[in-house]
PDB file of all heavy atoms in Angstrom:
ATOM      1  N   CYS A   1     -20.048  69.326 -43.960  1.00  0.00           N
ATOM      2  CA  CYS A   1     -19.104  68.639 -44.831  1.00  0.00           C
ATOM      3  C   CYS A   1     -18.624  67.384 -44.124  1.00  0.00           C
ATOM      4  O   CYS A   1     -17.991  67.474 -43.065  1.00  0.00           O
ATOM      5  CB  CYS A   1     -17.925  69.552 -45.174  1.00  0.00           C
ATOM      6  SG  CYS A   1     -16.602  68.738 -46.098  1.00  0.00           S
ATOM      7  N   ALA A   2     -18.905  66.233 -44.705  1.00  0.00           N
ATOM      8  CA  ALA A   2     -18.527  64.951 -44.129  1.00  0.00           C
ATOM      9  C   ALA A   2     -17.419  64.305 -44.949  1.00  0.00           C
ATOM     10  O   ALA A   2     -17.536  64.175 -46.172  1.00  0.00           O
ATOM     11  CB  ALA A   2     -19.738  64.025 -44.060  1.00  0.00           C
ATOM     12  N   ALA A   3     -16.358  63.897 -44.281  1.00  0.00           N
ATOM     13  CA  ALA A   3     -15.260  63.202 -44.929  1.00  0.00           C
ATOM     14  C   ALA A   3     -15.474  61.698 -44.841  1.00  0.00           C
ATOM     15  O   ALA A   3     -15.926  61.178 -43.820  1.00  0.00           O
ATOM     16  CB  ALA A   3     -13.930  63.571 -44.283  1.00  0.00           C
ATOM     17  N   SER A   4     -15.144  61.000 -45.915  1.00  0.00           N
ATOM     18  CA  SER A   4     -15.262  59.547 -45.923  1.00  0.00           C
ATOM     19  C   SER A   4     -14.163  58.946 -46.793  1.00  0.00           C
ATOM     20  O   SER A   4     -13.509  59.653 -47.554  1.00  0.00           O
ATOM     21  CB  SER A   4     -16.637  59.114 -46.442  1.00  0.00           C
ATOM     22  OG  SER A   4     -16.832  59.530 -47.782  1.00  0.00           O
ATOM     23  N   GLY A   5     -13.973  57.635 -46.677  1.00  0.00           N
ATOM     24  CA  GLY A   5     -12.961  56.943 -47.455  1.00  0.00           C
ATOM     25  C   GLY A   5     -11.811  56.462 -46.591  1.00  0.00           C
ATOM     26  O   GLY A   5     -12.001  56.097 -45.437  1.00  0.00           O
ATOM     27  N   SER A   6     -10.617  56.478 -47.150  1.00  0.00           N
ATOM     28  CA  SER A   6      -9.435  55.927 -46.492  1.00  0.00           C
ATOM     29  C   SER A   6      -8.814  56.937 -45.534  1.00  0.00           C
ATOM     30  O   SER A   6      -7.723  57.464 -45.767  1.00  0.00           O
ATOM     31  CB  SER A   6      -8.423  55.462 -47.535  1.00  0.00           C
ATOM     32  OG  SER A   6      -8.979  54.476 -48.384  1.00  0.00           O
ATOM     33  N   ILE A   7      -9.514  57.188 -44.443  1.00  0.00           N
ATOM     34  CA  ILE A   7      -9.104  58.197 -43.475  1.00  0.00           C
ATOM     35  C   ILE A   7      -8.324  57.558 -42.336  1.00  0.00           C
ATOM     36  O   ILE A   7      -8.811  56.637 -41.681  1.00  0.00           O
ATOM     37  CB  ILE A   7     -10.318  58.944 -42.915  1.00  0.00           C
ATOM     38  CG1 ILE A   7     -11.049  59.687 -44.035  1.00  0.00           C
ATOM     39  CG2 ILE A   7      -9.891  59.910 -41.816  1.00  0.00           C
ATOM     40  CD1 ILE A   7     -12.377  60.255 -43.611  1.00  0.00           C
ATOM     41  N   GLY A   8      -7.119  58.053 -42.113  1.00  0.00           N
ATOM     42  CA  GLY A   8      -6.350  57.666 -40.941  1.00  0.00           C
ATOM     43  C   GLY A   8      -6.571  58.650 -39.814  1.00  0.00           C
ATOM     44  O   GLY A   8      -7.119  58.306 -38.772  1.00  0.00           O
ATOM     45  N   THR A   9      -6.164  59.895 -40.034  1.00  0.00           N
ATOM     46  CA  THR A   9      -6.317  60.953 -39.049  1.00  0.00           C
ATOM     47  C   THR A   9      -6.693  62.246 -39.755  1.00  0.00           C
ATOM     48  O   THR A   9      -6.107  62.586 -40.776  1.00  0.00           O
ATOM     49  CB  THR A   9      -5.015  61.178 -38.259  1.00  0.00           C
ATOM     50  OG1 THR A   9      -4.580  59.952 -37.676  1.00  0.00           O
ATOM     51  CG2 THR A   9      -5.226  62.208 -37.156  1.00  0.00           C
ATOM     52  N   ILE A  10      -7.683  62.946 -39.233  1.00  0.00           N
ATOM     53  CA  ILE A  10      -8.041  64.261 -39.744  1.00  0.00           C
ATOM     54  C   ILE A  10      -7.430  65.323 -38.849  1.00  0.00           C
ATOM     55  O   ILE A  10      -7.658  65.331 -37.635  1.00  0.00           O
ATOM     56  CB  ILE A  10      -9.564  64.453 -39.823  1.00  0.00           C
ATOM     57  CG1 ILE A  10     -10.194  63.398 -40.732  1.00  0.00           C
ATOM     58  CG2 ILE A  10      -9.891  65.853 -40.334  1.00  0.00           C
ATOM     59  CD1 ILE A  10     -11.703  63.526 -40.861  1.00  0.00           C
ATOM     60  N   TYR A  11      -6.666  66.203 -39.450  1.00  0.00           N
ATOM     61  CA  TYR A  11      -6.077  67.310 -38.712  1.00  0.00           C
ATOM     62  C   TYR A  11      -6.967  68.546 -38.899  1.00  0.00           C
ATOM     63  O   TYR A  11      -8.147  68.493 -38.557  1.00  0.00           O
ATOM     64  CB  TYR A  11      -4.632  67.522 -39.162  1.00  0.00           C
ATOM     65  CG  TYR A  11      -3.783  66.286 -38.929  1.00  0.00           C
ATOM     66  CD1 TYR A  11      -3.530  65.380 -39.949  1.00  0.00           C
ATOM     67  CD2 TYR A  11      -3.276  65.998 -37.663  1.00  0.00           C
ATOM     68  CE1 TYR A  11      -2.777  64.232 -39.729  1.00  0.00           C
ATOM     69  CE2 TYR A  11      -2.527  64.856 -37.434  1.00  0.00           C
ATOM     70  CZ  TYR A  11      -2.277  63.975 -38.468  1.00  0.00           C
ATOM     71  OH  TYR A  11      -1.538  62.832 -38.245  1.00  0.00           O
ATOM     72  N   THR A  12      -6.450  69.621 -39.440  1.00  0.00           N
ATOM     73  CA  THR A  12      -7.252  70.830 -39.592  1.00  0.00           C
ATOM     74  C   THR A  12      -8.351  70.650 -40.632  1.00  0.00           C
ATOM     75  O   THR A  12      -8.123  70.097 -41.702  1.00  0.00           O
ATOM     76  CB  THR A  12      -6.361  72.017 -39.989  1.00  0.00           C
ATOM     77  OG1 THR A  12      -5.408  72.247 -38.959  1.00  0.00           O
ATOM     78  CG2 THR A  12      -7.190  73.274 -40.201  1.00  0.00           C
ATOM     79  N   MET A  13      -9.557  71.130 -40.304  1.00  0.00           N
ATOM     80  CA  MET A  13     -10.645  71.228 -41.250  1.00  0.00           C
ATOM     81  C   MET A  13     -10.973  72.711 -41.419  1.00  0.00           C
ATOM     82  O   MET A  13     -10.774  73.510 -40.498  1.00  0.00           O
ATOM     83  CB  MET A  13     -11.872  70.457 -40.779  1.00  0.00           C
ATOM     84  CG  MET A  13     -11.581  68.992 -40.486  1.00  0.00           C
ATOM     85  SD  MET A  13     -13.062  68.014 -40.091  1.00  0.00           S
ATOM     86  CE  MET A  13     -13.665  67.657 -41.752  1.00  0.00           C
ATOM     87  N   ALA A  14     -11.467  73.083 -42.602  1.00  0.00           N
ATOM     88  CA  ALA A  14     -11.641  74.499 -42.896  1.00  0.00           C
ATOM     89  C   ALA A  14     -12.721  74.724 -43.934  1.00  0.00           C
ATOM     90  O   ALA A  14     -13.103  73.818 -44.677  1.00  0.00           O
ATOM     91  CB  ALA A  14     -10.326  75.111 -43.387  1.00  0.00           C
ATOM     92  N   TRP A  15     -13.194  75.968 -43.970  1.00  0.00           N
ATOM     93  CA  TRP A  15     -14.081  76.445 -45.022  1.00  0.00           C
ATOM     94  C   TRP A  15     -13.423  77.616 -45.738  1.00  0.00           C
ATOM     95  O   TRP A  15     -12.909  78.536 -45.085  1.00  0.00           O
ATOM     96  CB  TRP A  15     -15.433  76.897 -44.465  1.00  0.00           C
ATOM     97  CG  TRP A  15     -16.295  75.777 -43.980  1.00  0.00           C
ATOM     98  CD1 TRP A  15     -16.409  75.317 -42.713  1.00  0.00           C
ATOM     99  CD2 TRP A  15     -17.174  74.975 -44.777  1.00  0.00           C
ATOM    100  NE1 TRP A  15     -17.306  74.278 -42.654  1.00  0.00           N
ATOM    101  CE2 TRP A  15     -17.790  74.043 -43.911  1.00  0.00           C
ATOM    102  CE3 TRP A  15     -17.508  74.958 -46.129  1.00  0.00           C
ATOM    103  CZ2 TRP A  15     -18.707  73.103 -44.360  1.00  0.00           C
ATOM    104  CZ3 TRP A  15     -18.426  74.017 -46.577  1.00  0.00           C
ATOM    105  CH2 TRP A  15     -19.013  73.108 -45.692  1.00  0.00           C
ATOM    106  N   TYR A  16     -13.439  77.574 -47.056  1.00  0.00           N
ATOM    107  CA  TYR A  16     -13.005  78.671 -47.905  1.00  0.00           C
ATOM    108  C   TYR A  16     -14.192  79.148 -48.736  1.00  0.00           C
ATOM    109  O   TYR A  16     -15.204  78.456 -48.852  1.00  0.00           O
ATOM    110  CB  TYR A  16     -11.882  78.229 -48.846  1.00  0.00           C
ATOM    111  CG  TYR A  16     -10.556  77.958 -48.180  1.00  0.00           C
ATOM    112  CD1 TYR A  16     -10.333  76.791 -47.464  1.00  0.00           C
ATOM    113  CD2 TYR A  16      -9.507  78.871 -48.285  1.00  0.00           C
ATOM    114  CE1 TYR A  16      -9.109  76.531 -46.859  1.00  0.00           C
ATOM    115  CE2 TYR A  16      -8.282  78.622 -47.687  1.00  0.00           C
ATOM    116  CZ  TYR A  16      -8.089  77.453 -46.977  1.00  0.00           C
ATOM    117  OH  TYR A  16      -6.866  77.202 -46.385  1.00  0.00           O
ATOM    118  N   ARG A  17     -14.063  80.317 -49.333  1.00  0.00           N
ATOM    119  CA  ARG A  17     -15.087  80.785 -50.252  1.00  0.00           C
ATOM    120  C   ARG A  17     -14.454  81.602 -51.366  1.00  0.00           C
ATOM    121  O   ARG A  17     -13.376  82.165 -51.214  1.00  0.00           O
ATOM    122  CB  ARG A  17     -16.162  81.607 -49.535  1.00  0.00           C
ATOM    123  CG  ARG A  17     -15.693  82.958 -49.020  1.00  0.00           C
ATOM    124  CD  ARG A  17     -16.807  83.635 -48.223  1.00  0.00           C
ATOM    125  NE  ARG A  17     -16.409  84.943 -47.735  1.00  0.00           N
ATOM    126  CZ  ARG A  17     -17.136  85.692 -46.911  1.00  0.00           C
ATOM    127  NH1 ARG A  17     -18.317  85.245 -46.479  1.00  0.00           N
ATOM    128  NH2 ARG A  17     -16.697  86.880 -46.520  1.00  0.00           N
ATOM    129  N   GLN A  18     -15.161  81.655 -52.485  1.00  0.00           N
ATOM    130  CA  GLN A  18     -14.724  82.450 -53.612  1.00  0.00           C
ATOM    131  C   GLN A  18     -15.931  83.160 -54.208  1.00  0.00           C
ATOM    132  O   GLN A  18     -16.849  82.517 -54.715  1.00  0.00           O
ATOM    133  CB  GLN A  18     -14.035  81.589 -54.676  1.00  0.00           C
ATOM    134  CG  GLN A  18     -13.419  82.399 -55.799  1.00  0.00           C
ATOM    135  CD  GLN A  18     -12.464  81.589 -56.650  1.00  0.00           C
ATOM    136  OE1 GLN A  18     -12.473  80.355 -56.612  1.00  0.00           O
ATOM    137  NE2 GLN A  18     -11.630  82.264 -57.411  1.00  0.00           N
ATOM    138  N   ALA A  19     -15.917  84.479 -54.127  1.00  0.00           N
ATOM    139  CA  ALA A  19     -16.970  85.300 -54.699  1.00  0.00           C
ATOM    140  C   ALA A  19     -16.635  85.610 -56.159  1.00  0.00           C
ATOM    141  O   ALA A  19     -15.466  85.551 -56.560  1.00  0.00           O
ATOM    142  CB  ALA A  19     -17.132  86.588 -53.906  1.00  0.00           C
ATOM    143  N   PRO A  20     -17.634  85.960 -56.962  1.00  0.00           N
ATOM    144  CA  PRO A  20     -17.385  86.276 -58.370  1.00  0.00           C
ATOM    145  C   PRO A  20     -16.339  87.378 -58.524  1.00  0.00           C
ATOM    146  O   PRO A  20     -16.435  88.428 -57.884  1.00  0.00           O
ATOM    147  CB  PRO A  20     -18.751  86.736 -58.874  1.00  0.00           C
ATOM    148  CG  PRO A  20     -19.732  86.043 -57.987  1.00  0.00           C
ATOM    149  CD  PRO A  20     -19.077  86.026 -56.637  1.00  0.00           C
ATOM    150  N   GLY A  21     -15.334  87.130 -59.350  1.00  0.00           N
ATOM    151  CA  GLY A  21     -14.306  88.112 -59.619  1.00  0.00           C
ATOM    152  C   GLY A  21     -13.290  88.308 -58.514  1.00  0.00           C
ATOM    153  O   GLY A  21     -12.465  89.223 -58.610  1.00  0.00           O
ATOM    154  N   LYS A  22     -13.314  87.472 -57.488  1.00  0.00           N
ATOM    155  CA  LYS A  22     -12.394  87.620 -56.365  1.00  0.00           C
ATOM    156  C   LYS A  22     -11.578  86.353 -56.151  1.00  0.00           C
ATOM    157  O   LYS A  22     -11.912  85.284 -56.654  1.00  0.00           O
ATOM    158  CB  LYS A  22     -13.158  87.960 -55.085  1.00  0.00           C
ATOM    159  CG  LYS A  22     -13.919  89.266 -55.130  1.00  0.00           C
ATOM    160  CD  LYS A  22     -14.542  89.597 -53.793  1.00  0.00           C
ATOM    161  CE  LYS A  22     -13.477  89.879 -52.746  1.00  0.00           C
ATOM    162  NZ  LYS A  22     -14.077  90.275 -51.441  1.00  0.00           N
ATOM    163  N   GLN A  23     -10.498  86.492 -55.400  1.00  0.00           N
ATOM    164  CA  GLN A  23      -9.657  85.359 -55.048  1.00  0.00           C
ATOM    165  C   GLN A  23     -10.336  84.498 -53.987  1.00  0.00           C
ATOM    166  O   GLN A  23     -11.149  84.979 -53.200  1.00  0.00           O
ATOM    167  CB  GLN A  23      -8.307  85.839 -54.517  1.00  0.00           C
ATOM    168  CG  GLN A  23      -7.445  86.578 -55.526  1.00  0.00           C
ATOM    169  CD  GLN A  23      -6.873  85.652 -56.558  1.00  0.00           C
ATOM    170  OE1 GLN A  23      -7.326  85.625 -57.700  1.00  0.00           O
ATOM    171  NE2 GLN A  23      -5.878  84.870 -56.172  1.00  0.00           N
ATOM    172  N   ARG A  24      -9.980  83.223 -53.970  1.00  0.00           N
ATOM    173  CA  ARG A  24     -10.447  82.347 -52.908  1.00  0.00           C
ATOM    174  C   ARG A  24      -9.854  82.800 -51.576  1.00  0.00           C
ATOM    175  O   ARG A  24      -8.677  83.159 -51.500  1.00  0.00           O
ATOM    176  CB  ARG A  24     -10.039  80.902 -53.197  1.00  0.00           C
ATOM    177  CG  ARG A  24     -10.608  79.887 -52.208  1.00  0.00           C
ATOM    178  CD  ARG A  24     -10.060  78.504 -52.474  1.00  0.00           C
ATOM    179  NE  ARG A  24      -8.623  78.439 -52.223  1.00  0.00           N
ATOM    180  CZ  ARG A  24      -7.861  77.372 -52.448  1.00  0.00           C
ATOM    181  NH1 ARG A  24      -8.409  76.268 -52.955  1.00  0.00           N
ATOM    182  NH2 ARG A  24      -6.569  77.406 -52.179  1.00  0.00           N
ATOM    183  N   GLU A  25     -10.660  82.785 -50.533  1.00  0.00           N
ATOM    184  CA  GLU A  25     -10.199  83.223 -49.229  1.00  0.00           C
ATOM    185  C   GLU A  25     -10.618  82.247 -48.141  1.00  0.00           C
ATOM    186  O   GLU A  25     -11.643  81.573 -48.241  1.00  0.00           O
ATOM    187  CB  GLU A  25     -10.743  84.616 -48.903  1.00  0.00           C
ATOM    188  CG  GLU A  25     -12.262  84.664 -48.752  1.00  0.00           C
ATOM    189  CD  GLU A  25     -12.773  86.029 -48.319  1.00  0.00           C
ATOM    190  OE1 GLU A  25     -11.954  86.903 -47.983  1.00  0.00           O
ATOM    191  OE2 GLU A  25     -14.010  86.215 -48.321  1.00  0.00           O
ATOM    192  N   LEU A  26      -9.819  82.193 -47.097  1.00  0.00           N
ATOM    193  CA  LEU A  26     -10.148  81.388 -45.934  1.00  0.00           C
ATOM    194  C   LEU A  26     -11.258  82.074 -45.147  1.00  0.00           C
ATOM    195  O   LEU A  26     -11.157  83.254 -44.816  1.00  0.00           O
ATOM    196  CB  LEU A  26      -8.923  81.196 -45.046  1.00  0.00           C
ATOM    197  CG  LEU A  26      -9.151  80.451 -43.727  1.00  0.00           C
ATOM    198  CD1 LEU A  26      -9.501  78.987 -43.986  1.00  0.00           C
ATOM    199  CD2 LEU A  26      -7.917  80.556 -42.833  1.00  0.00           C
ATOM    200  N   VAL A  27     -12.304  81.329 -44.834  1.00  0.00           N
ATOM    201  CA  VAL A  27     -13.399  81.829 -44.012  1.00  0.00           C
ATOM    202  C   VAL A  27     -13.153  81.491 -42.546  1.00  0.00           C
ATOM    203  O   VAL A  27     -13.230  82.349 -41.668  1.00  0.00           O
ATOM    204  CB  VAL A  27     -14.752  81.249 -44.465  1.00  0.00           C
ATOM    205  CG1 VAL A  27     -15.879  81.716 -43.551  1.00  0.00           C
ATOM    206  CG2 VAL A  27     -15.035  81.644 -45.911  1.00  0.00           C
ATOM    207  N   ALA A  28     -12.872  80.223 -42.278  1.00  0.00           N
ATOM    208  CA  ALA A  28     -12.628  79.759 -40.918  1.00  0.00           C
ATOM    209  C   ALA A  28     -11.936  78.410 -40.958  1.00  0.00           C
ATOM    210  O   ALA A  28     -12.099  77.660 -41.919  1.00  0.00           O
ATOM    211  CB  ALA A  28     -13.941  79.641 -40.137  1.00  0.00           C
ATOM    212  N   ASN A  29     -11.164  78.108 -39.928  1.00  0.00           N
ATOM    213  CA  ASN A  29     -10.635  76.763 -39.792  1.00  0.00           C
ATOM    214  C   ASN A  29     -10.693  76.317 -38.345  1.00  0.00           C
ATOM    215  O   ASN A  29     -10.885  77.132 -37.435  1.00  0.00           O
ATOM    216  CB  ASN A  29      -9.227  76.609 -40.396  1.00  0.00           C
ATOM    217  CG  ASN A  29      -8.140  77.356 -39.639  1.00  0.00           C
ATOM    218  OD1 ASN A  29      -8.291  77.714 -38.474  1.00  0.00           O
ATOM    219  ND2 ASN A  29      -7.022  77.585 -40.319  1.00  0.00           N
ATOM    220  N   ILE A  30     -10.526  75.013 -38.156  1.00  0.00           N
ATOM    221  CA  ILE A  30     -10.647  74.419 -36.830  1.00  0.00           C
ATOM    222  C   ILE A  30      -9.633  73.286 -36.713  1.00  0.00           C
ATOM    223  O   ILE A  30      -9.900  72.146 -37.078  1.00  0.00           O
ATOM    224  CB  ILE A  30     -12.107  73.973 -36.560  1.00  0.00           C
ATOM    225  CG1 ILE A  30     -12.246  73.390 -35.150  1.00  0.00           C
ATOM    226  CG2 ILE A  30     -12.621  73.027 -37.633  1.00  0.00           C
ATOM    227  CD1 ILE A  30     -13.710  73.276 -34.712  1.00  0.00           C
ATOM    228  N   PRO A  31      -8.437  73.608 -36.215  1.00  0.00           N
ATOM    229  CA  PRO A  31      -7.398  72.578 -36.070  1.00  0.00           C
ATOM    230  C   PRO A  31      -7.776  71.474 -35.082  1.00  0.00           C
ATOM    231  O   PRO A  31      -7.299  70.355 -35.213  1.00  0.00           O
ATOM    232  CB  PRO A  31      -6.193  73.373 -35.563  1.00  0.00           C
ATOM    233  CG  PRO A  31      -6.454  74.780 -36.002  1.00  0.00           C
ATOM    234  CD  PRO A  31      -7.936  74.946 -35.877  1.00  0.00           C
ATOM    235  N   SER A  32      -8.625  71.794 -34.119  1.00  0.00           N
ATOM    236  CA  SER A  32      -9.084  70.832 -33.131  1.00  0.00           C
ATOM    237  C   SER A  32     -10.497  71.207 -32.731  1.00  0.00           C
ATOM    238  O   SER A  32     -11.075  72.146 -33.276  1.00  0.00           O
ATOM    239  CB  SER A  32      -8.156  70.805 -31.910  1.00  0.00           C
ATOM    240  OG  SER A  32      -8.294  71.999 -31.163  1.00  0.00           O
ATOM    241  N   GLY A  33     -11.032  70.474 -31.771  1.00  0.00           N
ATOM    242  CA  GLY A  33     -12.371  70.776 -31.309  1.00  0.00           C
ATOM    243  C   GLY A  33     -12.475  72.031 -30.473  1.00  0.00           C
ATOM    244  O   GLY A  33     -13.590  72.489 -30.188  1.00  0.00           O
ATOM    245  N   THR A  34     -11.338  72.606 -30.078  1.00  0.00           N
ATOM    246  CA  THR A  34     -11.349  73.794 -29.230  1.00  0.00           C
ATOM    247  C   THR A  34     -10.731  75.016 -29.884  1.00  0.00           C
ATOM    248  O   THR A  34     -11.093  76.145 -29.544  1.00  0.00           O
ATOM    249  CB  THR A  34     -10.618  73.522 -27.906  1.00  0.00           C
ATOM    250  OG1 THR A  34      -9.274  73.115 -28.182  1.00  0.00           O
ATOM    251  CG2 THR A  34     -11.329  72.424 -27.123  1.00  0.00           C
ATOM    252  N   SER A  35      -9.803  74.826 -30.798  1.00  0.00           N
ATOM    253  CA  SER A  35      -9.131  75.933 -31.456  1.00  0.00           C
ATOM    254  C   SER A  35      -9.861  76.303 -32.745  1.00  0.00           C
ATOM    255  O   SER A  35     -10.185  75.427 -33.548  1.00  0.00           O
ATOM    256  CB  SER A  35      -7.686  75.557 -31.775  1.00  0.00           C
ATOM    257  OG  SER A  35      -7.021  76.592 -32.467  1.00  0.00           O
ATOM    258  N   THR A  36     -10.126  77.599 -32.936  1.00  0.00           N
ATOM    259  CA  THR A  36     -10.787  78.072 -34.146  1.00  0.00           C
ATOM    260  C   THR A  36     -10.157  79.376 -34.606  1.00  0.00           C
ATOM    261  O   THR A  36      -9.599  80.133 -33.814  1.00  0.00           O
ATOM    262  CB  THR A  36     -12.290  78.301 -33.935  1.00  0.00           C
ATOM    263  OG1 THR A  36     -12.482  79.260 -32.882  1.00  0.00           O
ATOM    264  CG2 THR A  36     -12.998  77.002 -33.565  1.00  0.00           C
ATOM    265  N   ASN A  37     -10.275  79.654 -35.909  1.00  0.00           N
ATOM    266  CA  ASN A  37      -9.790  80.888 -36.505  1.00  0.00           C
ATOM    267  C   ASN A  37     -10.810  81.374 -37.518  1.00  0.00           C
ATOM    268  O   ASN A  37     -11.419  80.567 -38.224  1.00  0.00           O
ATOM    269  CB  ASN A  37      -8.437  80.675 -37.188  1.00  0.00           C
ATOM    270  CG  ASN A  37      -7.375  80.172 -36.241  1.00  0.00           C
ATOM    271  OD1 ASN A  37      -6.820  80.940 -35.457  1.00  0.00           O
ATOM    272  ND2 ASN A  37      -7.092  78.881 -36.287  1.00  0.00           N
ATOM    273  N   TYR A  38     -10.977  82.693 -37.609  1.00  0.00           N
ATOM    274  CA  TYR A  38     -11.971  83.284 -38.493  1.00  0.00           C
ATOM    275  C   TYR A  38     -11.396  84.459 -39.256  1.00  0.00           C
ATOM    276  O   TYR A  38     -10.562  85.206 -38.740  1.00  0.00           O
ATOM    277  CB  TYR A  38     -13.187  83.785 -37.708  1.00  0.00           C
ATOM    278  CG  TYR A  38     -13.950  82.712 -36.989  1.00  0.00           C
ATOM    279  CD1 TYR A  38     -13.658  82.406 -35.666  1.00  0.00           C
ATOM    280  CD2 TYR A  38     -14.965  82.007 -37.622  1.00  0.00           C
ATOM    281  CE1 TYR A  38     -14.358  81.412 -34.994  1.00  0.00           C
ATOM    282  CE2 TYR A  38     -15.668  81.019 -36.959  1.00  0.00           C
ATOM    283  CZ  TYR A  38     -15.360  80.728 -35.643  1.00  0.00           C
ATOM    284  OH  TYR A  38     -16.061  79.738 -34.983  1.00  0.00           O
ATOM    285  N   ALA A  39     -11.875  84.631 -40.487  1.00  0.00           N
ATOM    286  CA  ALA A  39     -11.603  85.855 -41.205  1.00  0.00           C
ATOM    287  C   ALA A  39     -12.292  87.016 -40.496  1.00  0.00           C
ATOM    288  O   ALA A  39     -13.368  86.852 -39.918  1.00  0.00           O
ATOM    289  CB  ALA A  39     -12.106  85.756 -42.643  1.00  0.00           C
TER     290      ALA A  39
END
């Protein structure tokens, strides 16, 4: 996933997913190049 346009600073980036019939959920995020979180 590539961000483009009028970008000043990017903070946390993340992936979510939504399966059929289910709520959207956080899969993983990355607040920085070293910190990560996972479902």
